[in-house]
Amino acid sequence: MLPESVFATQDYAFWEIGAGHSDFNKQTHEIDVFMTFGDPKDPPADQKPPCKFTVTVAGRFQVDTTVFKEENIEAWAKSTGPYLLFPYLREQVYALSTRARLRPIIIPVFKIPTALTNVPAQV
């Protein structure tokens, strides 16, 4: 699940965003990851969305298990997979809201924290 801080503006606080994945298919070496943006089940009365819609973006990823350990695939699908799909979800939500002649819904970008380490650069 993505952090609530994604929706920094109150205008879009009533929309929900989520992510999920399929089981890893050992025969095809594939896993599906998806992200969904849409209406909450019970929005506050003073923040009713102007319409109802849901956007889902999915990606099918093929995994080379000789390089990437199979026991790490689910963790990857929960963390990195949604971040790869996020820009496409943002674009589809914006495009749909604009084509529907609504006030454009702009999902803020993520700032992914980076770890600072004292590892010297190798030349």
C-alpha atoms as a PDB file:
ATOM      1  CA  MET A   1       0.000   0.000   0.000  1.00  0.00           C
ATOM      2  CA  LEU A   2       1.257   3.462  -0.835  1.00  0.00           C
ATOM      3  CA  PRO A   3       1.571   6.228   1.757  1.00  0.00           C
ATOM      4  CA  GLU A   4      -1.311   8.643   2.350  1.00  0.00           C
ATOM      5  CA  SER A   5       1.087  11.528   1.802  1.00  0.00           C
ATOM      6  CA  VAL A   6       0.647  10.928  -1.935  1.00  0.00           C
ATOM      7  CA  PHE A   7      -2.388  13.187  -1.729  1.00  0.00           C
ATOM      8  CA  ALA A   8      -0.939  16.318  -0.249  1.00  0.00           C
ATOM      9  CA  THR A   9      -3.764  18.568  -1.429  1.00  0.00           C
ATOM     10  CA  GLN A  10      -7.116  18.396   0.301  1.00  0.00           C
ATOM     11  CA  ASP A  11      -8.928  18.575  -3.052  1.00  0.00           C
ATOM     12  CA  TYR A  12      -7.957  14.993  -3.872  1.00  0.00           C
ATOM     13  CA  ALA A  13      -7.912  13.508  -0.396  1.00  0.00           C
ATOM     14  CA  PHE A  14     -11.041  11.451  -1.057  1.00  0.00           C
ATOM     15  CA  TRP A  15      -9.495   9.377  -3.870  1.00  0.00           C
ATOM     16  CA  GLU A  16      -7.896   6.047  -3.039  1.00  0.00           C
ATOM     17  CA  ILE A  17      -4.836   4.417  -4.530  1.00  0.00           C
ATOM     18  CA  GLY A  18      -3.696   0.834  -4.136  1.00  0.00           C
ATOM     19  CA  ALA A  19      -1.396  -1.796  -5.529  1.00  0.00           C
ATOM     20  CA  GLY A  20      -1.264  -5.548  -5.742  1.00  0.00           C
ATOM     21  CA  HIS A  21       0.229  -8.488  -7.586  1.00  0.00           C
ATOM     22  CA  SER A  22      -0.467 -12.003  -8.768  1.00  0.00           C
ATOM     23  CA  ASP A  23       1.352 -15.099  -7.648  1.00  0.00           C
ATOM     24  CA  PHE A  24       4.624 -15.811  -9.437  1.00  0.00           C
ATOM     25  CA  ASN A  25       4.024 -18.253 -12.295  1.00  0.00           C
ATOM     26  CA  LYS A  26       6.909 -20.735 -12.115  1.00  0.00           C
ATOM     27  CA  GLN A  27       6.160 -22.164 -15.572  1.00  0.00           C
ATOM     28  CA  THR A  28       6.211 -18.862 -17.483  1.00  0.00           C
ATOM     29  CA  HIS A  29       8.466 -17.018 -14.988  1.00  0.00           C
ATOM     30  CA  GLU A  30       5.986 -14.124 -14.939  1.00  0.00           C
ATOM     31  CA  ILE A  31       4.305 -12.018 -12.296  1.00  0.00           C
ATOM     32  CA  ASP A  32       1.579  -9.406 -12.789  1.00  0.00           C
ATOM     33  CA  VAL A  33       1.662  -6.160 -10.812  1.00  0.00           C
ATOM     34  CA  PHE A  34      -1.149  -3.615 -10.805  1.00  0.00           C
ATOM     35  CA  MET A  35      -2.042  -0.207  -9.401  1.00  0.00           C
ATOM     36  CA  THR A  36      -5.570   1.149  -9.003  1.00  0.00           C
ATOM     37  CA  PHE A  37      -6.835   4.689  -8.485  1.00  0.00           C
ATOM     38  CA  GLY A  38     -10.479   5.392  -7.732  1.00  0.00           C
ATOM     39  CA  ASP A  39     -13.245   6.403  -5.411  1.00  0.00           C
ATOM     40  CA  PRO A  40     -13.269   5.536  -1.724  1.00  0.00           C
ATOM     41  CA  LYS A  41     -16.063   3.377  -0.383  1.00  0.00           C
ATOM     42  CA  ASP A  42     -17.354   6.025   2.039  1.00  0.00           C
ATOM     43  CA  PRO A  43     -16.119   9.535   1.207  1.00  0.00           C
ATOM     44  CA  PRO A  44     -16.824  12.283   3.735  1.00  0.00           C
ATOM     45  CA  ALA A  45     -20.082  14.115   2.960  1.00  0.00           C
ATOM     46  CA  ASP A  46     -18.243  17.390   2.369  1.00  0.00           C
ATOM     47  CA  GLN A  47     -15.767  15.770  -0.052  1.00  0.00           C
ATOM     48  CA  LYS A  48     -17.970  13.849  -2.477  1.00  0.00           C
ATOM     49  CA  PRO A  49     -16.114  13.193  -5.754  1.00  0.00           C
ATOM     50  CA  PRO A  50     -17.619  14.885  -8.820  1.00  0.00           C
ATOM     51  CA  CYS A  51     -17.923  11.495 -10.532  1.00  0.00           C
ATOM     52  CA  LYS A  52     -17.086   7.838 -10.025  1.00  0.00           C
ATOM     53  CA  PHE A  53     -14.326   6.113 -11.902  1.00  0.00           C
ATOM     54  CA  THR A  54     -11.519   3.655 -11.372  1.00  0.00           C
ATOM     55  CA  VAL A  55      -8.286   3.406 -13.324  1.00  0.00           C
ATOM     56  CA  THR A  56      -6.161   0.270 -13.175  1.00  0.00           C
ATOM     57  CA  VAL A  57      -2.753  -0.070 -14.779  1.00  0.00           C
ATOM     58  CA  ALA A  58      -1.118  -3.496 -14.911  1.00  0.00           C
ATOM     59  CA  GLY A  59       2.249  -4.794 -15.966  1.00  0.00           C
ATOM     60  CA  ARG A  60       3.422  -8.330 -16.616  1.00  0.00           C
ATOM     61  CA  PHE A  61       7.046  -8.857 -15.680  1.00  0.00           C
ATOM     62  CA  GLN A  62       9.170 -11.781 -16.763  1.00  0.00           C
ATOM     63  CA  VAL A  63      11.785 -12.802 -14.209  1.00  0.00           C
ATOM     64  CA  ASP A  64      15.079 -14.507 -14.933  1.00  0.00           C
ATOM     65  CA  THR A  65      15.364 -16.702 -11.843  1.00  0.00           C
ATOM     66  CA  THR A  66      18.987 -17.510 -12.633  1.00  0.00           C
ATOM     67  CA  VAL A  67      19.765 -13.849 -11.863  1.00  0.00           C
ATOM     68  CA  PHE A  68      16.968 -12.802  -9.471  1.00  0.00           C
ATOM     69  CA  LYS A  69      16.239 -15.126  -6.535  1.00  0.00           C
ATOM     70  CA  GLU A  70      12.723 -16.546  -6.547  1.00  0.00           C
ATOM     71  CA  GLU A  71      12.263 -15.863  -2.816  1.00  0.00           C
ATOM     72  CA  ASN A  72      12.695 -12.105  -3.506  1.00  0.00           C
ATOM     73  CA  ILE A  73      10.074 -11.824  -6.254  1.00  0.00           C
ATOM     74  CA  GLU A  74       7.084 -11.188  -3.991  1.00  0.00           C
ATOM     75  CA  ALA A  75       8.928  -8.447  -2.084  1.00  0.00           C
ATOM     76  CA  TRP A  76       9.885  -6.854  -5.420  1.00  0.00           C
ATOM     77  CA  ALA A  77       6.258  -7.030  -6.602  1.00  0.00           C
ATOM     78  CA  LYS A  78       5.092  -5.272  -3.417  1.00  0.00           C
ATOM     79  CA  SER A  79       7.715  -2.526  -3.451  1.00  0.00           C
ATOM     80  CA  THR A  80       9.477  -1.824  -6.736  1.00  0.00           C
ATOM     81  CA  GLY A  81       6.780  -3.078  -9.117  1.00  0.00           C
ATOM     82  CA  PRO A  82       4.201  -0.412  -8.199  1.00  0.00           C
ATOM     83  CA  TYR A  83       6.799   2.358  -8.488  1.00  0.00           C
ATOM     84  CA  LEU A  84       7.472   1.269 -12.077  1.00  0.00           C
ATOM     85  CA  LEU A  85       3.758   1.513 -12.918  1.00  0.00           C
ATOM     86  CA  PHE A  86       3.084   4.746 -11.037  1.00  0.00           C
ATOM     87  CA  PRO A  87       3.928   7.212 -13.869  1.00  0.00           C
ATOM     88  CA  TYR A  88       1.537   5.376 -16.200  1.00  0.00           C
ATOM     89  CA  LEU A  89      -1.242   5.475 -13.607  1.00  0.00           C
ATOM     90  CA  ARG A  90      -0.700   9.217 -13.086  1.00  0.00           C
ATOM     91  CA  GLU A  91      -0.938   9.851 -16.826  1.00  0.00           C
ATOM     92  CA  GLN A  92      -4.086   7.769 -17.304  1.00  0.00           C
ATOM     93  CA  VAL A  93      -5.886   9.426 -14.363  1.00  0.00           C
ATOM     94  CA  TYR A  94      -4.961  12.887 -15.642  1.00  0.00           C
ATOM     95  CA  ALA A  95      -5.982  12.045 -19.212  1.00  0.00           C
ATOM     96  CA  LEU A  96      -9.322  10.525 -18.196  1.00  0.00           C
ATOM     97  CA  SER A  97     -10.261  13.418 -15.926  1.00  0.00           C
ATOM     98  CA  THR A  98      -9.310  15.924 -18.637  1.00  0.00           C
ATOM     99  CA  ARG A  99     -11.255  14.112 -21.385  1.00  0.00           C
ATOM    100  CA  ALA A 100     -14.266  13.963 -19.071  1.00  0.00           C
ATOM    101  CA  ARG A 101     -14.023  17.773 -18.790  1.00  0.00           C
ATOM    102  CA  LEU A 102     -13.459  17.575 -15.048  1.00  0.00           C
ATOM    103  CA  ARG A 103     -10.956  19.613 -13.153  1.00  0.00           C
ATOM    104  CA  PRO A 104      -7.764  17.677 -13.966  1.00  0.00           C
ATOM    105  CA  ILE A 105      -6.784  15.163 -11.319  1.00  0.00           C
ATOM    106  CA  ILE A 106      -3.037  15.381 -10.896  1.00  0.00           C
ATOM    107  CA  ILE A 107      -1.564  12.742  -8.637  1.00  0.00           C
ATOM    108  CA  PRO A 108       1.583  14.166  -7.047  1.00  0.00           C
ATOM    109  CA  VAL A 109       4.895  12.532  -7.867  1.00  0.00           C
ATOM    110  CA  PHE A 110       6.713  10.354  -5.373  1.00  0.00           C
ATOM    111  CA  LYS A 111      10.039  11.312  -3.971  1.00  0.00           C
ATOM    112  CA  ILE A 112      11.744   8.020  -3.291  1.00  0.00           C
ATOM    113  CA  PRO A 113      14.146   8.308  -0.356  1.00  0.00           C
ATOM    114  CA  THR A 114      17.710   7.309  -1.017  1.00  0.00           C
ATOM    115  CA  ALA A 115      20.016   5.752   1.504  1.00  0.00           C
ATOM    116  CA  LEU A 116      23.164   7.647   2.350  1.00  0.00           C
ATOM    117  CA  THR A 117      26.139   5.435   2.915  1.00  0.00           C
ATOM    118  CA  ASN A 118      29.785   5.972   3.688  1.00  0.00           C
ATOM    119  CA  VAL A 119      30.901   3.597   0.980  1.00  0.00           C
ATOM    120  CA  PRO A 120      33.767   5.138  -1.012  1.00  0.00           C
ATOM    121  CA  ALA A 121      33.198   5.444  -4.751  1.00  0.00           C
ATOM    122  CA  GLN A 122      35.106   2.909  -6.795  1.00  0.00           C
ATOM    123  CA  VAL A 123      36.966   4.197  -9.830  1.00  0.00           C
END
